Amino acid sequence: MPGTKPILVTGATGRHGGTGAHLVARLTEQGRDVRVLARSRSDRTAALEALGAEIVIGDLQDRRSTVPALDGVGLAYFTYPIDAGVVSAAANFAAAVREAGVSPRTVVMSMGPAHPKHPSERGRDQWLAEEILQWAGLDVLLLRVAAAFHENIETLHGKSIEDGVIRNCFGRGPVSWINGRDAAELAVAALLHPERFDSSICYPSGAEALSHDEIAAILTEELGKPVRYEPVTPEEWRRELVELSTTDQVVNPVMAGHITAVAQRVAEHGSTMASDTEALQRLIGRPPLTFREHLRQRIG
């Protein structure tokens, strides 16, 4: 029975939005057996074990280590960091599924920029990786979340906010936003309640649309100190993000290029999808978090 088989979760130790760890927590709360594929043991895997997850050491870049992780699984969650390597990771995963002799329905945490013509190379790679999974005959549900994470504000701008400024090249138009926990709830729903989704390729919207001027205004109110938004060129912001990558464990130079390309496209053409709070609520089964609520949770 699919409901009694383990659920394989990749990316559970990732830090971008914390979606993987929240997904594991929610699945174990639902009484499901969760198996986590991790490259090594750490404090993060220890925390997941404390939730009841089984840890299997392996790497999506190594098919041989992925095969044992797939033994007997009924469902799988596939995601990959915003970094080079997603195409080979998808090929290895697909080959491992066939070698393991299983056919898990697989939920892929994707991104709105997953498109063959997107200016971001990572967006184009993500699209190709998903094509490979489908060519391999896997039963996949693609969650191409068309929104930025609330957590990106702290990750990308935390240091400059201390100086009272947010700098990037998104421009002054509205951006669609979603909380990392709500993105994880989308994955929970896709794994356990696929009937909520009307297509195998879904574009879940964000919870709210906010410009960076509005983000700065909320920060000013909640932090009790003035914060302003300052537009900069794509070249300037990419340079700042590359500098940040030398000290931050989340941002890397490849991610810097991706985010800059996405921001430039939003500045030139606007967000690809409007936010739809009600639609997101129908999918995750509860009201999604707003940026202000997220900020208050972080401060409190």
C-alpha atoms as a PDB file:
ATOM      1  CA  MET A   1       0.000   0.000   0.000  1.00  0.00           C
ATOM      2  CA  PRO A   2       1.447   3.460  -0.930  1.00  0.00           C
ATOM      3  CA  GLY A   3       0.414   4.885   2.438  1.00  0.00           C
ATOM      4  CA  THR A   4       2.598   2.418   4.342  1.00  0.00           C
ATOM      5  CA  LYS A   5       5.744   2.761   2.237  1.00  0.00           C
ATOM      6  CA  PRO A   6       8.524   5.205   3.151  1.00  0.00           C
ATOM      7  CA  ILE A   7       8.621   8.650   1.570  1.00  0.00           C
ATOM      8  CA  LEU A   8      12.070   9.613   0.272  1.00  0.00           C
ATOM      9  CA  VAL A   9      12.958  13.275   0.829  1.00  0.00           C
ATOM     10  CA  THR A  10      15.973  14.904  -0.815  1.00  0.00           C
ATOM     11  CA  GLY A  11      17.232  18.361   0.119  1.00  0.00           C
ATOM     12  CA  ALA A  12      16.009  18.099   3.710  1.00  0.00           C
ATOM     13  CA  THR A  13      19.184  19.676   5.103  1.00  0.00           C
ATOM     14  CA  GLY A  14      19.131  22.644   2.723  1.00  0.00           C
ATOM     15  CA  ARG A  15      18.975  26.148   4.150  1.00  0.00           C
ATOM     16  CA  HIS A  16      17.189  28.072   1.386  1.00  0.00           C
ATOM     17  CA  GLY A  17      13.788  28.705   2.949  1.00  0.00           C
ATOM     18  CA  GLY A  18      14.084  25.687   5.260  1.00  0.00           C
ATOM     19  CA  THR A  19      11.462  23.887   3.175  1.00  0.00           C
ATOM     20  CA  GLY A  20      13.013  20.426   3.369  1.00  0.00           C
ATOM     21  CA  ALA A  21      13.214  20.270   7.150  1.00  0.00           C
ATOM     22  CA  HIS A  22       9.668  21.599   7.508  1.00  0.00           C
ATOM     23  CA  LEU A  23       8.452  19.026   4.988  1.00  0.00           C
ATOM     24  CA  VAL A  24       9.999  16.206   7.027  1.00  0.00           C
ATOM     25  CA  ALA A  25       8.429  17.554  10.218  1.00  0.00           C
ATOM     26  CA  ARG A  26       4.983  17.785   8.653  1.00  0.00           C
ATOM     27  CA  LEU A  27       5.162  14.312   7.103  1.00  0.00           C
ATOM     28  CA  THR A  28       6.206  12.711  10.383  1.00  0.00           C
ATOM     29  CA  GLU A  29       3.384  14.594  12.138  1.00  0.00           C
ATOM     30  CA  GLN A  30       1.063  12.866   9.667  1.00  0.00           C
ATOM     31  CA  GLY A  31       2.416   9.511  10.833  1.00  0.00           C
ATOM     32  CA  ARG A  32       4.324   8.808   7.623  1.00  0.00           C
ATOM     33  CA  ASP A  33       7.656   7.002   7.486  1.00  0.00           C
ATOM     34  CA  VAL A  34      10.235   9.418   6.086  1.00  0.00           C
ATOM     35  CA  ARG A  35      13.631   8.537   4.656  1.00  0.00           C
ATOM     36  CA  VAL A  36      16.068  11.405   4.138  1.00  0.00           C
ATOM     37  CA  LEU A  37      18.867  11.283   1.578  1.00  0.00           C
ATOM     38  CA  ALA A  38      21.791  13.351   2.906  1.00  0.00           C
ATOM     39  CA  ARG A  39      25.392  13.646   1.787  1.00  0.00           C
ATOM     40  CA  SER A  40      26.779  13.438   5.318  1.00  0.00           C
ATOM     41  CA  ARG A  41      25.729  13.384   8.953  1.00  0.00           C
ATOM     42  CA  SER A  42      25.484  16.713  10.751  1.00  0.00           C
ATOM     43  CA  ASP A  43      23.507  18.603  13.370  1.00  0.00           C
ATOM     44  CA  ARG A  44      20.803  18.983  10.732  1.00  0.00           C
ATOM     45  CA  THR A  45      20.475  15.248  10.116  1.00  0.00           C
ATOM     46  CA  ALA A  46      20.483  14.688  13.888  1.00  0.00           C
ATOM     47  CA  ALA A  47      17.541  17.066  14.200  1.00  0.00           C
ATOM     48  CA  LEU A  48      15.686  15.193  11.452  1.00  0.00           C
ATOM     49  CA  GLU A  49      16.396  11.866  13.175  1.00  0.00           C
ATOM     50  CA  ALA A  50      14.939  13.328  16.358  1.00  0.00           C
ATOM     51  CA  LEU A  51      11.727  13.885  14.402  1.00  0.00           C
ATOM     52  CA  GLY A  52      11.675  10.195  13.509  1.00  0.00           C
ATOM     53  CA  ALA A  53      13.220  10.300  10.019  1.00  0.00           C
ATOM     54  CA  GLU A  54      15.556   7.591   8.751  1.00  0.00           C
ATOM     55  CA  ILE A  55      18.832   8.997   7.411  1.00  0.00           C
ATOM     56  CA  VAL A  56      20.492   7.393   4.395  1.00  0.00           C
ATOM     57  CA  ILE A  57      23.877   8.727   3.298  1.00  0.00           C
ATOM     58  CA  GLY A  58      24.071   9.304  -0.431  1.00  0.00           C
ATOM     59  CA  ASP A  59      24.416  11.895  -3.154  1.00  0.00           C
ATOM     60  CA  LEU A  60      22.182  12.716  -6.105  1.00  0.00           C
ATOM     61  CA  GLN A  61      25.371  13.011  -8.134  1.00  0.00           C
ATOM     62  CA  ASP A  62      26.157   9.354  -7.382  1.00  0.00           C
ATOM     63  CA  ARG A  63      23.589   6.921  -8.753  1.00  0.00           C
ATOM     64  CA  ARG A  64      25.106   4.022  -6.797  1.00  0.00           C
ATOM     65  CA  SER A  65      24.440   5.691  -3.448  1.00  0.00           C
ATOM     66  CA  THR A  66      20.914   6.728  -4.439  1.00  0.00           C
ATOM     67  CA  VAL A  67      19.692   3.234  -5.308  1.00  0.00           C
ATOM     68  CA  PRO A  68      19.604   1.957  -1.673  1.00  0.00           C
ATOM     69  CA  ALA A  69      17.741   5.090  -0.574  1.00  0.00           C
ATOM     70  CA  LEU A  70      14.932   4.234  -3.000  1.00  0.00           C
ATOM     71  CA  ASP A  71      14.421   0.690  -1.733  1.00  0.00           C
ATOM     72  CA  GLY A  72      10.698   0.145  -1.136  1.00  0.00           C
ATOM     73  CA  VAL A  73       9.665   3.815  -1.309  1.00  0.00           C
ATOM     74  CA  GLY A  74       6.182   4.763  -2.478  1.00  0.00           C
ATOM     75  CA  LEU A  75       6.592   8.523  -2.792  1.00  0.00           C
ATOM     76  CA  ALA A  76       9.573  10.799  -3.353  1.00  0.00           C
ATOM     77  CA  TYR A  77      10.378  14.486  -3.085  1.00  0.00           C
ATOM     78  CA  PHE A  78      13.075  15.750  -5.450  1.00  0.00           C
ATOM     79  CA  THR A  79      14.761  19.106  -5.128  1.00  0.00           C
ATOM     80  CA  TYR A  80      18.212  20.504  -5.799  1.00  0.00           C
ATOM     81  CA  PRO A  81      20.083  23.610  -4.597  1.00  0.00           C
ATOM     82  CA  ILE A  82      20.290  26.671  -6.822  1.00  0.00           C
ATOM     83  CA  ASP A  83      23.670  25.578  -8.091  1.00  0.00           C
ATOM     84  CA  ALA A  84      25.181  23.742 -11.038  1.00  0.00           C
ATOM     85  CA  GLY A  85      24.410  20.026 -11.292  1.00  0.00           C
ATOM     86  CA  VAL A  86      20.618  19.663 -11.342  1.00  0.00           C
ATOM     87  CA  VAL A  87      20.603  18.030 -14.808  1.00  0.00           C
ATOM     88  CA  SER A  88      22.993  15.241 -13.832  1.00  0.00           C
ATOM     89  CA  ALA A  89      21.201  14.891 -10.475  1.00  0.00           C
ATOM     90  CA  ALA A  90      17.903  14.291 -12.272  1.00  0.00           C
ATOM     91  CA  ALA A  91      19.522  11.768 -14.626  1.00  0.00           C
ATOM     92  CA  ASN A  92      21.073   9.898 -11.698  1.00  0.00           C
ATOM     93  CA  PHE A  93      17.785   9.905  -9.801  1.00  0.00           C
ATOM     94  CA  ALA A  94      15.848   8.578 -12.787  1.00  0.00           C
ATOM     95  CA  ALA A  95      18.435   5.857 -13.418  1.00  0.00           C
ATOM     96  CA  ALA A  96      18.422   4.907  -9.728  1.00  0.00           C
ATOM     97  CA  VAL A  97      14.624   4.600  -9.725  1.00  0.00           C
ATOM     98  CA  ARG A  98      14.810   2.146 -12.607  1.00  0.00           C
ATOM     99  CA  GLU A  99      17.651   0.169 -11.008  1.00  0.00           C
ATOM    100  CA  ALA A 100      15.835   0.005  -7.659  1.00  0.00           C
ATOM    101  CA  GLY A 101      12.801  -1.412  -9.420  1.00  0.00           C
ATOM    102  CA  VAL A 102      10.367   1.026  -7.812  1.00  0.00           C
ATOM    103  CA  SER A 103       7.928   3.534  -9.272  1.00  0.00           C
ATOM    104  CA  PRO A 104       7.470   6.278  -6.680  1.00  0.00           C
ATOM    105  CA  ARG A 105       5.211   9.183  -7.547  1.00  0.00           C
ATOM    106  CA  THR A 106       7.682  12.049  -7.362  1.00  0.00           C
ATOM    107  CA  VAL A 107       6.992  15.646  -6.365  1.00  0.00           C
ATOM    108  CA  VAL A 108       9.569  18.085  -7.725  1.00  0.00           C
ATOM    109  CA  MET A 109      10.106  21.415  -5.997  1.00  0.00           C
ATOM    110  CA  SER A 110      10.812  23.584  -9.009  1.00  0.00           C
ATOM    111  CA  MET A 111      10.804  27.303  -9.748  1.00  0.00           C
ATOM    112  CA  GLY A 112       8.893  29.729 -11.931  1.00  0.00           C
ATOM    113  CA  PRO A 113      12.000  30.387 -14.096  1.00  0.00           C
ATOM    114  CA  ALA A 114      12.095  26.701 -15.190  1.00  0.00           C
ATOM    115  CA  HIS A 115      11.766  27.412 -18.905  1.00  0.00           C
ATOM    116  CA  PRO A 116      13.952  26.623 -21.928  1.00  0.00           C
ATOM    117  CA  LYS A 117      14.248  30.307 -22.847  1.00  0.00           C
ATOM    118  CA  HIS A 118      14.658  31.925 -19.445  1.00  0.00           C
ATOM    119  CA  PRO A 119      17.669  34.268 -19.162  1.00  0.00           C
ATOM    120  CA  SER A 120      18.836  32.405 -16.046  1.00  0.00           C
ATOM    121  CA  GLU A 121      21.006  29.392 -16.872  1.00  0.00           C
ATOM    122  CA  ARG A 122      19.766  27.751 -13.674  1.00  0.00           C
ATOM    123  CA  GLY A 123      16.180  28.206 -14.851  1.00  0.00           C
ATOM    124  CA  ARG A 124      17.013  26.555 -18.166  1.00  0.00           C
ATOM    125  CA  ASP A 125      18.833  23.719 -16.375  1.00  0.00           C
ATOM    126  CA  GLN A 126      15.891  23.150 -14.037  1.00  0.00           C
ATOM    127  CA  TRP A 127      13.566  22.825 -17.035  1.00  0.00           C
ATOM    128  CA  LEU A 128      15.913  20.313 -18.695  1.00  0.00           C
ATOM    129  CA  ALA A 129      16.193  18.280 -15.480  1.00  0.00           C
ATOM    130  CA  GLU A 130      12.411  18.036 -15.340  1.00  0.00           C
ATOM    131  CA  GLU A 131      12.302  16.973 -18.968  1.00  0.00           C
ATOM    132  CA  ILE A 132      14.708  14.139 -18.139  1.00  0.00           C
ATOM    133  CA  LEU A 133      12.517  12.929 -15.272  1.00  0.00           C
ATOM    134  CA  GLN A 134       9.511  12.873 -17.584  1.00  0.00           C
ATOM    135  CA  TRP A 135      11.411  11.234 -20.470  1.00  0.00           C
ATOM    136  CA  ALA A 136      12.411   8.495 -18.013  1.00  0.00           C
ATOM    137  CA  GLY A 137       8.724   7.740 -17.501  1.00  0.00           C
ATOM    138  CA  LEU A 138       8.526   8.855 -13.864  1.00  0.00           C
ATOM    139  CA  ASP A 139       5.152   9.871 -12.454  1.00  0.00           C
ATOM    140  CA  VAL A 140       5.998  13.465 -11.538  1.00  0.00           C
ATOM    141  CA  LEU A 141       4.170  16.507 -10.218  1.00  0.00           C
ATOM    142  CA  LEU A 142       6.167  19.686 -10.848  1.00  0.00           C
ATOM    143  CA  LEU A 143       5.689  22.577  -8.431  1.00  0.00           C
ATOM    144  CA  ARG A 144       7.004  25.578 -10.334  1.00  0.00           C
ATOM    145  CA  VAL A 145       6.521  28.077  -7.530  1.00  0.00           C
ATOM    146  CA  ALA A 146       6.286  31.509  -9.128  1.00  0.00           C
ATOM    147  CA  ALA A 147       7.231  33.576  -6.077  1.00  0.00           C
ATOM    148  CA  ALA A 148      10.233  34.724  -4.051  1.00  0.00           C
ATOM    149  CA  PHE A 149      10.711  33.424  -0.508  1.00  0.00           C
ATOM    150  CA  HIS A 150      10.178  35.772   2.431  1.00  0.00           C
ATOM    151  CA  GLU A 151      13.391  34.279   3.818  1.00  0.00           C
ATOM    152  CA  ASN A 152      15.322  35.800   0.899  1.00  0.00           C
ATOM    153  CA  ILE A 153      15.021  39.236   2.486  1.00  0.00           C
ATOM    154  CA  GLU A 154      17.076  38.150   5.491  1.00  0.00           C
ATOM    155  CA  THR A 155      19.412  35.939   3.474  1.00  0.00           C
ATOM    156  CA  LEU A 156      20.198  38.453   0.735  1.00  0.00           C
ATOM    157  CA  HIS A 157      19.763  41.745   2.594  1.00  0.00           C
ATOM    158  CA  GLY A 158      20.234  41.046   6.299  1.00  0.00           C
ATOM    159  CA  LYS A 159      23.594  42.792   6.502  1.00  0.00           C
ATOM    160  CA  SER A 160      22.538  45.890   4.548  1.00  0.00           C
ATOM    161  CA  ILE A 161      19.274  46.169   6.510  1.00  0.00           C
ATOM    162  CA  GLU A 162      21.445  46.799   9.563  1.00  0.00           C
ATOM    163  CA  ASP A 163      22.579  49.918   7.700  1.00  0.00           C
ATOM    164  CA  GLY A 164      18.962  50.824   6.841  1.00  0.00           C
ATOM    165  CA  VAL A 165      18.905  49.919   3.158  1.00  0.00           C
ATOM    166  CA  ILE A 166      17.798  47.143   0.766  1.00  0.00           C
ATOM    167  CA  ARG A 167      19.699  47.125  -2.538  1.00  0.00           C
ATOM    168  CA  ASN A 168      18.845  44.964  -5.543  1.00  0.00           C
ATOM    169  CA  CYS A 169      17.831  45.141  -9.209  1.00  0.00           C
ATOM    170  CA  PHE A 170      14.180  44.010  -8.885  1.00  0.00           C
ATOM    171  CA  GLY A 171      13.048  47.569  -9.534  1.00  0.00           C
ATOM    172  CA  ARG A 172      10.094  49.260  -7.871  1.00  0.00           C
ATOM    173  CA  GLY A 173       7.294  47.061  -9.199  1.00  0.00           C
ATOM    174  CA  PRO A 174       5.434  44.382  -7.198  1.00  0.00           C
ATOM    175  CA  VAL A 175       6.984  40.961  -6.605  1.00  0.00           C
ATOM    176  CA  SER A 176       5.061  37.815  -5.676  1.00  0.00           C
ATOM    177  CA  TRP A 177       6.106  36.389  -2.271  1.00  0.00           C
ATOM    178  CA  ILE A 178       5.675  33.096  -0.441  1.00  0.00           C
ATOM    179  CA  ASN A 179       6.926  31.822   2.894  1.00  0.00           C
ATOM    180  CA  GLY A 180       9.326  28.887   2.910  1.00  0.00           C
ATOM    181  CA  ARG A 181       7.007  26.989   5.250  1.00  0.00           C
ATOM    182  CA  ASP A 182       4.107  27.501   2.859  1.00  0.00           C
ATOM    183  CA  ALA A 183       6.259  26.192   0.003  1.00  0.00           C
ATOM    184  CA  ALA A 184       6.856  23.109   2.154  1.00  0.00           C
ATOM    185  CA  GLU A 185       3.103  22.826   2.739  1.00  0.00           C
ATOM    186  CA  LEU A 186       2.656  22.783  -1.036  1.00  0.00           C
ATOM    187  CA  ALA A 187       4.965  19.777  -1.152  1.00  0.00           C
ATOM    188  CA  VAL A 188       3.047  18.077   1.683  1.00  0.00           C
ATOM    189  CA  ALA A 189      -0.199  18.594  -0.211  1.00  0.00           C
ATOM    190  CA  ALA A 190       1.304  17.384  -3.492  1.00  0.00           C
ATOM    191  CA  LEU A 191       2.582  14.204  -1.814  1.00  0.00           C
ATOM    192  CA  LEU A 192      -0.449  13.368   0.314  1.00  0.00           C
ATOM    193  CA  HIS A 193      -3.318  15.149  -1.496  1.00  0.00           C
ATOM    194  CA  PRO A 194      -2.523  15.115  -5.226  1.00  0.00           C
ATOM    195  CA  GLU A 195      -6.225  15.526  -6.009  1.00  0.00           C
ATOM    196  CA  ARG A 196      -5.882  19.213  -5.076  1.00  0.00           C
ATOM    197  CA  PHE A 197      -3.713  19.795  -8.163  1.00  0.00           C
ATOM    198  CA  ASP A 198      -5.296  19.899 -11.599  1.00  0.00           C
ATOM    199  CA  SER A 199      -2.142  19.311 -13.644  1.00  0.00           C
ATOM    200  CA  SER A 200       1.195  17.514 -13.456  1.00  0.00           C
ATOM    201  CA  ILE A 201       2.879  20.885 -14.057  1.00  0.00           C
ATOM    202  CA  CYS A 202       1.630  23.429 -11.530  1.00  0.00           C
ATOM    203  CA  TYR A 203       2.469  27.095 -11.063  1.00  0.00           C
ATOM    204  CA  PRO A 204       1.439  27.835  -7.462  1.00  0.00           C
ATOM    205  CA  SER A 205       1.170  31.557  -6.871  1.00  0.00           C
ATOM    206  CA  GLY A 206       2.551  33.570  -4.016  1.00  0.00           C
ATOM    207  CA  ALA A 207       0.585  34.698  -0.981  1.00  0.00           C
ATOM    208  CA  GLU A 208       0.988  38.435  -1.601  1.00  0.00           C
ATOM    209  CA  ALA A 209       2.452  40.982  -3.962  1.00  0.00           C
ATOM    210  CA  LEU A 210       4.802  43.548  -2.439  1.00  0.00           C
ATOM    211  CA  SER A 211       7.298  45.923  -3.966  1.00  0.00           C
ATOM    212  CA  HIS A 212      10.646  46.295  -2.261  1.00  0.00           C
ATOM    213  CA  ASP A 213       9.591  49.790  -1.217  1.00  0.00           C
ATOM    214  CA  GLU A 214       6.656  48.153   0.607  1.00  0.00           C
ATOM    215  CA  ILE A 215       8.980  45.523   2.091  1.00  0.00           C
ATOM    216  CA  ALA A 216      11.198  48.350   3.364  1.00  0.00           C
ATOM    217  CA  ALA A 217       8.174  50.124   4.872  1.00  0.00           C
ATOM    218  CA  ILE A 218       7.130  46.968   6.756  1.00  0.00           C
ATOM    219  CA  LEU A 219      10.696  46.510   8.017  1.00  0.00           C
ATOM    220  CA  THR A 220      10.704  50.141   9.175  1.00  0.00           C
ATOM    221  CA  GLU A 221       7.478  49.636  11.138  1.00  0.00           C
ATOM    222  CA  GLU A 222       8.359  46.269  12.660  1.00  0.00           C
ATOM    223  CA  LEU A 223      12.030  46.914  13.425  1.00  0.00           C
ATOM    224  CA  GLY A 224      11.458  50.437  14.693  1.00  0.00           C
ATOM    225  CA  LYS A 225      14.257  51.852  12.521  1.00  0.00           C
ATOM    226  CA  PRO A 226      14.201  53.440   9.053  1.00  0.00           C
ATOM    227  CA  VAL A 227      14.827  51.097   6.129  1.00  0.00           C
ATOM    228  CA  ARG A 228      14.687  52.255   2.515  1.00  0.00           C
ATOM    229  CA  TYR A 229      14.912  50.553  -0.877  1.00  0.00           C
ATOM    230  CA  GLU A 230      17.667  51.516  -3.298  1.00  0.00           C
ATOM    231  CA  PRO A 231      17.583  50.147  -6.878  1.00  0.00           C
ATOM    232  CA  VAL A 232      20.982  49.205  -8.305  1.00  0.00           C
ATOM    233  CA  THR A 233      22.106  47.786 -11.641  1.00  0.00           C
ATOM    234  CA  PRO A 234      22.213  44.002 -12.181  1.00  0.00           C
ATOM    235  CA  GLU A 235      26.003  44.203 -12.371  1.00  0.00           C
ATOM    236  CA  GLU A 236      26.213  45.998  -9.014  1.00  0.00           C
ATOM    237  CA  TRP A 237      23.884  43.576  -7.250  1.00  0.00           C
ATOM    238  CA  ARG A 238      25.548  40.496  -8.667  1.00  0.00           C
ATOM    239  CA  ARG A 239      28.881  41.803  -7.434  1.00  0.00           C
ATOM    240  CA  GLU A 240      27.420  42.318  -3.948  1.00  0.00           C
ATOM    241  CA  LEU A 241      25.919  38.804  -3.936  1.00  0.00           C
ATOM    242  CA  VAL A 242      29.201  37.227  -5.032  1.00  0.00           C
ATOM    243  CA  GLU A 243      30.917  39.058  -2.183  1.00  0.00           C
ATOM    244  CA  LEU A 244      28.208  37.777   0.173  1.00  0.00           C
ATOM    245  CA  SER A 245      28.811  34.213  -1.016  1.00  0.00           C
ATOM    246  CA  THR A 246      32.294  34.254   0.521  1.00  0.00           C
ATOM    247  CA  THR A 247      30.811  34.495   4.027  1.00  0.00           C
ATOM    248  CA  ASP A 248      27.292  33.020   3.679  1.00  0.00           C
ATOM    249  CA  GLN A 249      26.529  29.291   3.532  1.00  0.00           C
ATOM    250  CA  VAL A 250      23.316  29.748   1.550  1.00  0.00           C
ATOM    251  CA  VAL A 251      24.391  32.066  -1.259  1.00  0.00           C
ATOM    252  CA  ASN A 252      26.925  30.869  -3.828  1.00  0.00           C
ATOM    253  CA  PRO A 253      28.262  32.562  -6.991  1.00  0.00           C
ATOM    254  CA  VAL A 254      25.982  30.459  -9.225  1.00  0.00           C
ATOM    255  CA  MET A 255      22.945  31.418  -7.142  1.00  0.00           C
ATOM    256  CA  ALA A 256      24.068  35.066  -7.377  1.00  0.00           C
ATOM    257  CA  GLY A 257      23.899  34.906 -11.150  1.00  0.00           C
ATOM    258  CA  HIS A 258      20.498  33.195 -11.096  1.00  0.00           C
ATOM    259  CA  ILE A 259      18.879  35.634  -8.686  1.00  0.00           C
ATOM    260  CA  THR A 260      20.267  38.619 -10.564  1.00  0.00           C
ATOM    261  CA  ALA A 261      18.889  37.299 -13.875  1.00  0.00           C
ATOM    262  CA  VAL A 262      15.468  36.664 -12.306  1.00  0.00           C
ATOM    263  CA  ALA A 263      15.402  40.121 -10.718  1.00  0.00           C
ATOM    264  CA  GLN A 264      16.369  41.824 -13.959  1.00  0.00           C
ATOM    265  CA  ARG A 265      13.592  40.002 -15.822  1.00  0.00           C
ATOM    266  CA  VAL A 266      11.037  41.038 -13.164  1.00  0.00           C
ATOM    267  CA  ALA A 267      12.231  44.653 -13.373  1.00  0.00           C
ATOM    268  CA  GLU A 268      11.853  44.639 -17.169  1.00  0.00           C
ATOM    269  CA  HIS A 269       8.672  42.571 -17.568  1.00  0.00           C
ATOM    270  CA  GLY A 270       7.000  42.354 -14.157  1.00  0.00           C
ATOM    271  CA  SER A 271       6.190  39.209 -12.135  1.00  0.00           C
ATOM    272  CA  THR A 272       5.215  36.228 -14.264  1.00  0.00           C
ATOM    273  CA  MET A 273       2.168  35.466 -12.088  1.00  0.00           C
ATOM    274  CA  ALA A 274      -0.074  37.526  -9.866  1.00  0.00           C
ATOM    275  CA  SER A 275      -0.351  36.514  -6.235  1.00  0.00           C
ATOM    276  CA  ASP A 276      -3.506  34.639  -5.274  1.00  0.00           C
ATOM    277  CA  THR A 277      -3.950  34.143  -1.541  1.00  0.00           C
ATOM    278  CA  GLU A 278      -7.166  32.147  -1.870  1.00  0.00           C
ATOM    279  CA  ALA A 279      -5.726  29.766  -4.468  1.00  0.00           C
ATOM    280  CA  LEU A 280      -2.670  29.121  -2.306  1.00  0.00           C
ATOM    281  CA  GLN A 281      -4.877  28.571   0.739  1.00  0.00           C
ATOM    282  CA  ARG A 282      -6.931  25.973  -1.144  1.00  0.00           C
ATOM    283  CA  LEU A 283      -3.775  24.036  -1.925  1.00  0.00           C
ATOM    284  CA  ILE A 284      -2.114  24.107   1.493  1.00  0.00           C
ATOM    285  CA  GLY A 285      -5.300  23.935   3.572  1.00  0.00           C
ATOM    286  CA  ARG A 286      -4.706  27.024   5.713  1.00  0.00           C
ATOM    287  CA  PRO A 287      -4.150  30.787   5.317  1.00  0.00           C
ATOM    288  CA  PRO A 288      -0.632  31.440   4.031  1.00  0.00           C
ATOM    289  CA  LEU A 289       1.787  33.581   5.995  1.00  0.00           C
ATOM    290  CA  THR A 290       2.314  37.227   5.097  1.00  0.00           C
ATOM    291  CA  PHE A 291       5.705  38.920   5.158  1.00  0.00           C
ATOM    292  CA  ARG A 292       4.685  40.917   8.219  1.00  0.00           C
ATOM    293  CA  GLU A 293       3.685  37.725  10.059  1.00  0.00           C
ATOM    294  CA  HIS A 294       6.943  36.066   9.025  1.00  0.00           C
ATOM    295  CA  LEU A 295       8.922  39.046  10.291  1.00  0.00           C
ATOM    296  CA  ARG A 296       7.109  39.078  13.625  1.00  0.00           C
ATOM    297  CA  GLN A 297       7.841  35.372  14.084  1.00  0.00           C
ATOM    298  CA  ARG A 298      11.529  36.020  13.391  1.00  0.00           C
ATOM    299  CA  ILE A 299      11.704  39.004  15.749  1.00  0.00           C
ATOM    300  CA  GLY A 300       9.646  37.343  18.463  1.00  0.00           C
END
